[in-house]
Amino acid sequence: MGFHSLLSPSILVLFFIFLTSSSSEVTKPIKLVDNICKKTSNYTFCVDTLYSDSRVGSPDTDSYLLGYVSFGLAYINATTTSSQIPVLLKNANTQKNASLQHALQQCHRYYKKAVSAIEEAYNDLNSDTYSNLISLAKVASDSASDCEGSFNGTVKPYPLTERNNGLRRLCEICVVVSKLFT
């Protein structure tokens, strides 16, 4: 019994130290991430987003890695959203809501455009061609904004607002990272 009673507090102390050191790493990002995120409209979102990839924060973290991470996360958001739209469209058809159907059809086109732009940006990163990264990130961001605008006059809350806002914030990070290549 004595061993277990000593072990439990020791484990708790070690666990607390681990949690404290882990959270301090995220709250104090490396200088490159800090500089990038200070140039975005939502510093915390930026830091949390970039550190969601376990490679960020390692000694090898550089602008190239952050380019791949930021465009990769934007791509995941855009493709996931694009694949969710047909499900929402099917529900709108069931509800016979013509304005919502039209908005979702427009959003599906906008998200295809966003996915295409992000794919092109990713290919540009792979080929060391950086001149179009900013404009491609802006195309994807504008596509999310255009999708959101499609819902004006339909039911609220708009079904893709959170996804649209997420893609815009991700694209903002992509733009800031892309400026490191110019």
C-alpha atoms as a PDB file:
ATOM      1  CA  MET A   1       0.000   0.000   0.000  1.00  0.00           C
ATOM      2  CA  GLY A   2       2.814   2.394   0.840  1.00  0.00           C
ATOM      3  CA  PHE A   3       4.336   2.131  -2.634  1.00  0.00           C
ATOM      4  CA  HIS A   4       1.018   2.919  -4.351  1.00  0.00           C
ATOM      5  CA  SER A   5       0.355   5.895  -2.104  1.00  0.00           C
ATOM      6  CA  LEU A   6       3.798   7.326  -3.001  1.00  0.00           C
ATOM      7  CA  LEU A   7       3.369   6.516  -6.673  1.00  0.00           C
ATOM      8  CA  SER A   8       0.054   8.293  -7.095  1.00  0.00           C
ATOM      9  CA  PRO A   9       1.238  11.756  -5.998  1.00  0.00           C
ATOM     10  CA  SER A  10       4.425  11.316  -8.048  1.00  0.00           C
ATOM     11  CA  ILE A  11       2.432  10.517 -11.164  1.00  0.00           C
ATOM     12  CA  LEU A  12       0.169  13.489 -10.535  1.00  0.00           C
ATOM     13  CA  VAL A  13       3.172  15.814 -10.157  1.00  0.00           C
ATOM     14  CA  LEU A  14       4.777  14.477 -13.340  1.00  0.00           C
ATOM     15  CA  PHE A  15       1.483  14.774 -15.189  1.00  0.00           C
ATOM     16  CA  PHE A  16       1.092  18.386 -13.997  1.00  0.00           C
ATOM     17  CA  ILE A  17       4.662  19.228 -15.068  1.00  0.00           C
ATOM     18  CA  PHE A  18       4.007  17.667 -18.484  1.00  0.00           C
ATOM     19  CA  LEU A  19       0.786  19.646 -18.911  1.00  0.00           C
ATOM     20  CA  THR A  20       2.457  22.865 -17.823  1.00  0.00           C
ATOM     21  CA  SER A  21       5.383  22.432 -20.203  1.00  0.00           C
ATOM     22  CA  SER A  22       3.113  21.378 -23.082  1.00  0.00           C
ATOM     23  CA  SER A  23       0.805  24.337 -22.710  1.00  0.00           C
ATOM     24  CA  SER A  24       3.698  26.784 -22.381  1.00  0.00           C
ATOM     25  CA  GLU A  25       5.081  25.587 -25.712  1.00  0.00           C
ATOM     26  CA  VAL A  26       1.830  26.428 -27.464  1.00  0.00           C
ATOM     27  CA  THR A  27       1.337  29.715 -25.632  1.00  0.00           C
ATOM     28  CA  LYS A  28       4.878  30.762 -26.554  1.00  0.00           C
ATOM     29  CA  PRO A  29       5.224  29.914 -30.242  1.00  0.00           C
ATOM     30  CA  ILE A  30       8.510  29.902 -32.100  1.00  0.00           C
ATOM     31  CA  LYS A  31       9.532  33.290 -33.473  1.00  0.00           C
ATOM     32  CA  LEU A  32       8.556  32.527 -37.094  1.00  0.00           C
ATOM     33  CA  VAL A  33       5.047  31.416 -36.115  1.00  0.00           C
ATOM     34  CA  ASP A  34       4.732  34.375 -33.757  1.00  0.00           C
ATOM     35  CA  ASN A  35       5.722  36.829 -36.513  1.00  0.00           C
ATOM     36  CA  ILE A  36       3.276  35.276 -38.975  1.00  0.00           C
ATOM     37  CA  CYS A  37       0.369  35.121 -36.560  1.00  0.00           C
ATOM     38  CA  LYS A  38       0.853  38.725 -35.407  1.00  0.00           C
ATOM     39  CA  LYS A  39       0.003  39.739 -38.985  1.00  0.00           C
ATOM     40  CA  THR A  40      -3.362  37.948 -38.969  1.00  0.00           C
ATOM     41  CA  SER A  41      -6.677  39.164 -37.600  1.00  0.00           C
ATOM     42  CA  ASN A  42      -6.896  36.290 -35.099  1.00  0.00           C
ATOM     43  CA  TYR A  43      -3.556  35.518 -33.464  1.00  0.00           C
ATOM     44  CA  THR A  44      -4.853  32.667 -31.300  1.00  0.00           C
ATOM     45  CA  PHE A  45      -6.598  30.941 -34.208  1.00  0.00           C
ATOM     46  CA  CYS A  46      -3.399  31.223 -36.247  1.00  0.00           C
ATOM     47  CA  VAL A  47      -1.131  29.784 -33.545  1.00  0.00           C
ATOM     48  CA  ASP A  48      -3.563  26.980 -32.710  1.00  0.00           C
ATOM     49  CA  THR A  49      -4.002  26.178 -36.390  1.00  0.00           C
ATOM     50  CA  LEU A  50      -0.312  26.033 -37.234  1.00  0.00           C
ATOM     51  CA  TYR A  51       0.506  24.036 -34.107  1.00  0.00           C
ATOM     52  CA  SER A  52      -2.232  21.535 -34.943  1.00  0.00           C
ATOM     53  CA  ASP A  53       0.439  19.992 -37.186  1.00  0.00           C
ATOM     54  CA  SER A  54       2.976  18.192 -35.010  1.00  0.00           C
ATOM     55  CA  ARG A  55       5.877  19.198 -37.291  1.00  0.00           C
ATOM     56  CA  VAL A  56       5.451  22.871 -36.409  1.00  0.00           C
ATOM     57  CA  GLY A  57       7.618  23.912 -33.505  1.00  0.00           C
ATOM     58  CA  SER A  58      10.409  21.484 -34.341  1.00  0.00           C
ATOM     59  CA  PRO A  59      13.877  22.837 -35.141  1.00  0.00           C
ATOM     60  CA  ASP A  60      13.118  22.198 -38.830  1.00  0.00           C
ATOM     61  CA  THR A  61      10.160  24.590 -38.912  1.00  0.00           C
ATOM     62  CA  ASP A  62      10.663  27.070 -41.730  1.00  0.00           C
ATOM     63  CA  SER A  63       8.571  29.087 -44.154  1.00  0.00           C
ATOM     64  CA  TYR A  64       8.318  26.135 -46.546  1.00  0.00           C
ATOM     65  CA  LEU A  65       6.881  23.854 -43.887  1.00  0.00           C
ATOM     66  CA  LEU A  66       4.441  26.556 -42.797  1.00  0.00           C
ATOM     67  CA  GLY A  67       3.407  27.008 -46.433  1.00  0.00           C
ATOM     68  CA  TYR A  68       2.640  23.314 -46.746  1.00  0.00           C
ATOM     69  CA  VAL A  69       0.830  23.247 -43.407  1.00  0.00           C
ATOM     70  CA  SER A  70      -1.297  26.345 -44.029  1.00  0.00           C
ATOM     71  CA  PHE A  71      -2.278  25.434 -47.597  1.00  0.00           C
ATOM     72  CA  GLY A  72      -2.792  21.818 -46.538  1.00  0.00           C
ATOM     73  CA  LEU A  73      -5.220  22.817 -43.790  1.00  0.00           C
ATOM     74  CA  ALA A  74      -7.045  25.179 -46.149  1.00  0.00           C
ATOM     75  CA  TYR A  75      -7.330  22.313 -48.634  1.00  0.00           C
ATOM     76  CA  ILE A  76      -8.791  19.995 -45.993  1.00  0.00           C
ATOM     77  CA  ASN A  77     -11.348  22.648 -45.024  1.00  0.00           C
ATOM     78  CA  ALA A  78     -12.332  23.347 -48.636  1.00  0.00           C
ATOM     79  CA  THR A  79     -12.614  19.705 -49.713  1.00  0.00           C
ATOM     80  CA  THR A  80     -14.527  18.726 -46.584  1.00  0.00           C
ATOM     81  CA  THR A  81     -16.931  21.616 -47.053  1.00  0.00           C
ATOM     82  CA  SER A  82     -17.323  20.814 -50.735  1.00  0.00           C
ATOM     83  CA  SER A  83     -18.247  17.232 -49.879  1.00  0.00           C
ATOM     84  CA  GLN A  84     -20.775  18.378 -47.244  1.00  0.00           C
ATOM     85  CA  ILE A  85     -22.659  20.640 -49.654  1.00  0.00           C
ATOM     86  CA  PRO A  86     -24.410  17.828 -51.608  1.00  0.00           C
ATOM     87  CA  VAL A  87     -25.784  16.473 -48.316  1.00  0.00           C
ATOM     88  CA  LEU A  88     -27.099  19.927 -47.397  1.00  0.00           C
ATOM     89  CA  LEU A  89     -28.485  20.286 -50.907  1.00  0.00           C
ATOM     90  CA  LYS A  90     -30.344  16.988 -50.597  1.00  0.00           C
ATOM     91  CA  ASN A  91     -31.920  18.202 -47.342  1.00  0.00           C
ATOM     92  CA  ALA A  92     -32.870  21.515 -48.983  1.00  0.00           C
ATOM     93  CA  ASN A  93     -34.508  19.597 -51.834  1.00  0.00           C
ATOM     94  CA  THR A  94     -36.473  17.563 -49.297  1.00  0.00           C
ATOM     95  CA  GLN A  95     -37.639  20.786 -47.632  1.00  0.00           C
ATOM     96  CA  LYS A  96     -38.474  22.262 -51.052  1.00  0.00           C
ATOM     97  CA  ASN A  97     -36.578  25.441 -50.195  1.00  0.00           C
ATOM     98  CA  ALA A  98     -35.701  26.891 -53.613  1.00  0.00           C
ATOM     99  CA  SER A  99     -33.634  29.847 -52.353  1.00  0.00           C
ATOM    100  CA  LEU A 100     -31.544  27.597 -50.113  1.00  0.00           C
ATOM    101  CA  GLN A 101     -31.092  25.100 -52.961  1.00  0.00           C
ATOM    102  CA  HIS A 102     -29.868  27.875 -55.238  1.00  0.00           C
ATOM    103  CA  ALA A 103     -27.461  29.210 -52.598  1.00  0.00           C
ATOM    104  CA  LEU A 104     -26.027  25.750 -51.972  1.00  0.00           C
ATOM    105  CA  GLN A 105     -25.585  25.123 -55.697  1.00  0.00           C
ATOM    106  CA  GLN A 106     -23.668  28.386 -55.944  1.00  0.00           C
ATOM    107  CA  CYS A 107     -21.580  27.452 -52.911  1.00  0.00           C
ATOM    108  CA  HIS A 108     -20.724  24.121 -54.466  1.00  0.00           C
ATOM    109  CA  ARG A 109     -19.334  25.951 -57.506  1.00  0.00           C
ATOM    110  CA  TYR A 110     -17.465  28.427 -55.303  1.00  0.00           C
ATOM    111  CA  TYR A 111     -15.909  25.640 -53.264  1.00  0.00           C
ATOM    112  CA  LYS A 112     -14.824  23.781 -56.392  1.00  0.00           C
ATOM    113  CA  LYS A 113     -13.067  27.005 -57.377  1.00  0.00           C
ATOM    114  CA  ALA A 114     -11.489  27.259 -53.911  1.00  0.00           C
ATOM    115  CA  VAL A 115     -10.281  23.653 -54.008  1.00  0.00           C
ATOM    116  CA  SER A 116      -8.817  24.179 -57.469  1.00  0.00           C
ATOM    117  CA  ALA A 117      -6.976  27.338 -56.370  1.00  0.00           C
ATOM    118  CA  ILE A 118      -5.543  25.655 -53.278  1.00  0.00           C
ATOM    119  CA  GLU A 119      -4.463  22.621 -55.315  1.00  0.00           C
ATOM    120  CA  GLU A 120      -2.683  24.954 -57.721  1.00  0.00           C
ATOM    121  CA  ALA A 121      -0.988  26.738 -54.815  1.00  0.00           C
ATOM    122  CA  TYR A 122       0.134  23.428 -53.352  1.00  0.00           C
ATOM    123  CA  ASN A 123       1.548  22.404 -56.739  1.00  0.00           C
ATOM    124  CA  ASP A 124       3.326  25.759 -56.925  1.00  0.00           C
ATOM    125  CA  LEU A 125       4.912  25.063 -53.541  1.00  0.00           C
ATOM    126  CA  ASN A 126       6.075  21.675 -54.813  1.00  0.00           C
ATOM    127  CA  SER A 127       7.633  23.220 -57.919  1.00  0.00           C
ATOM    128  CA  ASP A 128       9.253  26.150 -56.073  1.00  0.00           C
ATOM    129  CA  THR A 129       7.007  28.595 -57.949  1.00  0.00           C
ATOM    130  CA  TYR A 130       5.801  31.130 -55.419  1.00  0.00           C
ATOM    131  CA  SER A 131       4.631  34.114 -57.452  1.00  0.00           C
ATOM    132  CA  ASN A 132       0.938  33.125 -57.498  1.00  0.00           C
ATOM    133  CA  LEU A 133       0.544  31.863 -53.932  1.00  0.00           C
ATOM    134  CA  ILE A 134      -0.986  35.075 -52.592  1.00  0.00           C
ATOM    135  CA  SER A 135      -3.472  35.457 -55.428  1.00  0.00           C
ATOM    136  CA  LEU A 136      -4.475  31.780 -55.200  1.00  0.00           C
ATOM    137  CA  ALA A 137      -5.074  32.068 -51.448  1.00  0.00           C
ATOM    138  CA  LYS A 138      -7.196  35.146 -52.124  1.00  0.00           C
ATOM    139  CA  VAL A 139      -9.226  33.250 -54.764  1.00  0.00           C
ATOM    140  CA  ALA A 140     -10.024  30.593 -52.164  1.00  0.00           C
ATOM    141  CA  SER A 141     -10.884  33.206 -49.538  1.00  0.00           C
ATOM    142  CA  ASP A 142     -13.087  35.123 -51.976  1.00  0.00           C
ATOM    143  CA  SER A 143     -14.853  31.878 -52.853  1.00  0.00           C
ATOM    144  CA  ALA A 144     -15.774  31.394 -49.192  1.00  0.00           C
ATOM    145  CA  SER A 145     -16.999  35.003 -49.008  1.00  0.00           C
ATOM    146  CA  ASP A 146     -19.019  34.563 -52.197  1.00  0.00           C
ATOM    147  CA  CYS A 147     -20.552  31.388 -50.799  1.00  0.00           C
ATOM    148  CA  GLU A 148     -21.557  33.217 -47.636  1.00  0.00           C
ATOM    149  CA  GLY A 149     -23.107  35.997 -49.715  1.00  0.00           C
ATOM    150  CA  SER A 150     -25.171  33.424 -51.600  1.00  0.00           C
ATOM    151  CA  PHE A 151     -27.243  32.834 -48.492  1.00  0.00           C
ATOM    152  CA  ASN A 152     -28.565  36.398 -48.232  1.00  0.00           C
ATOM    153  CA  GLY A 153     -32.333  36.155 -48.149  1.00  0.00           C
ATOM    154  CA  THR A 154     -32.400  32.493 -47.108  1.00  0.00           C
ATOM    155  CA  VAL A 155     -32.962  30.853 -43.746  1.00  0.00           C
ATOM    156  CA  LYS A 156     -30.756  31.839 -40.825  1.00  0.00           C
ATOM    157  CA  PRO A 157     -28.425  30.694 -39.496  1.00  0.00           C
ATOM    158  CA  TYR A 158     -26.667  30.087 -42.783  1.00  0.00           C
ATOM    159  CA  PRO A 159     -25.540  26.467 -42.941  1.00  0.00           C
ATOM    160  CA  LEU A 160     -21.936  27.113 -43.999  1.00  0.00           C
ATOM    161  CA  THR A 161     -21.027  30.249 -42.048  1.00  0.00           C
ATOM    162  CA  GLU A 162     -18.608  28.481 -39.713  1.00  0.00           C
ATOM    163  CA  ARG A 163     -16.902  26.643 -42.593  1.00  0.00           C
ATOM    164  CA  ASN A 164     -16.723  29.841 -44.686  1.00  0.00           C
ATOM    165  CA  ASN A 165     -15.218  31.800 -41.799  1.00  0.00           C
ATOM    166  CA  GLY A 166     -12.738  28.998 -41.180  1.00  0.00           C
ATOM    167  CA  LEU A 167     -11.580  28.946 -44.793  1.00  0.00           C
ATOM    168  CA  ARG A 168     -11.200  32.727 -44.841  1.00  0.00           C
ATOM    169  CA  ARG A 169      -9.068  32.650 -41.678  1.00  0.00           C
ATOM    170  CA  LEU A 170      -6.965  29.787 -43.061  1.00  0.00           C
ATOM    171  CA  CYS A 171      -6.457  31.658 -46.318  1.00  0.00           C
ATOM    172  CA  GLU A 172      -5.397  34.732 -44.375  1.00  0.00           C
ATOM    173  CA  ILE A 173      -2.632  32.628 -42.810  1.00  0.00           C
ATOM    174  CA  CYS A 174      -1.738  31.337 -46.289  1.00  0.00           C
ATOM    175  CA  VAL A 175      -1.399  34.913 -47.561  1.00  0.00           C
ATOM    176  CA  VAL A 176       0.890  35.945 -44.701  1.00  0.00           C
ATOM    177  CA  VAL A 177       3.043  32.832 -45.131  1.00  0.00           C
ATOM    178  CA  SER A 178       3.130  33.370 -48.913  1.00  0.00           C
ATOM    179  CA  LYS A 179       4.554  36.857 -48.415  1.00  0.00           C
ATOM    180  CA  LEU A 180       7.653  35.194 -46.971  1.00  0.00           C
ATOM    181  CA  PHE A 181       8.404  33.880 -50.462  1.00  0.00           C
ATOM    182  CA  THR A 182       8.268  37.266 -52.230  1.00  0.00           C
END
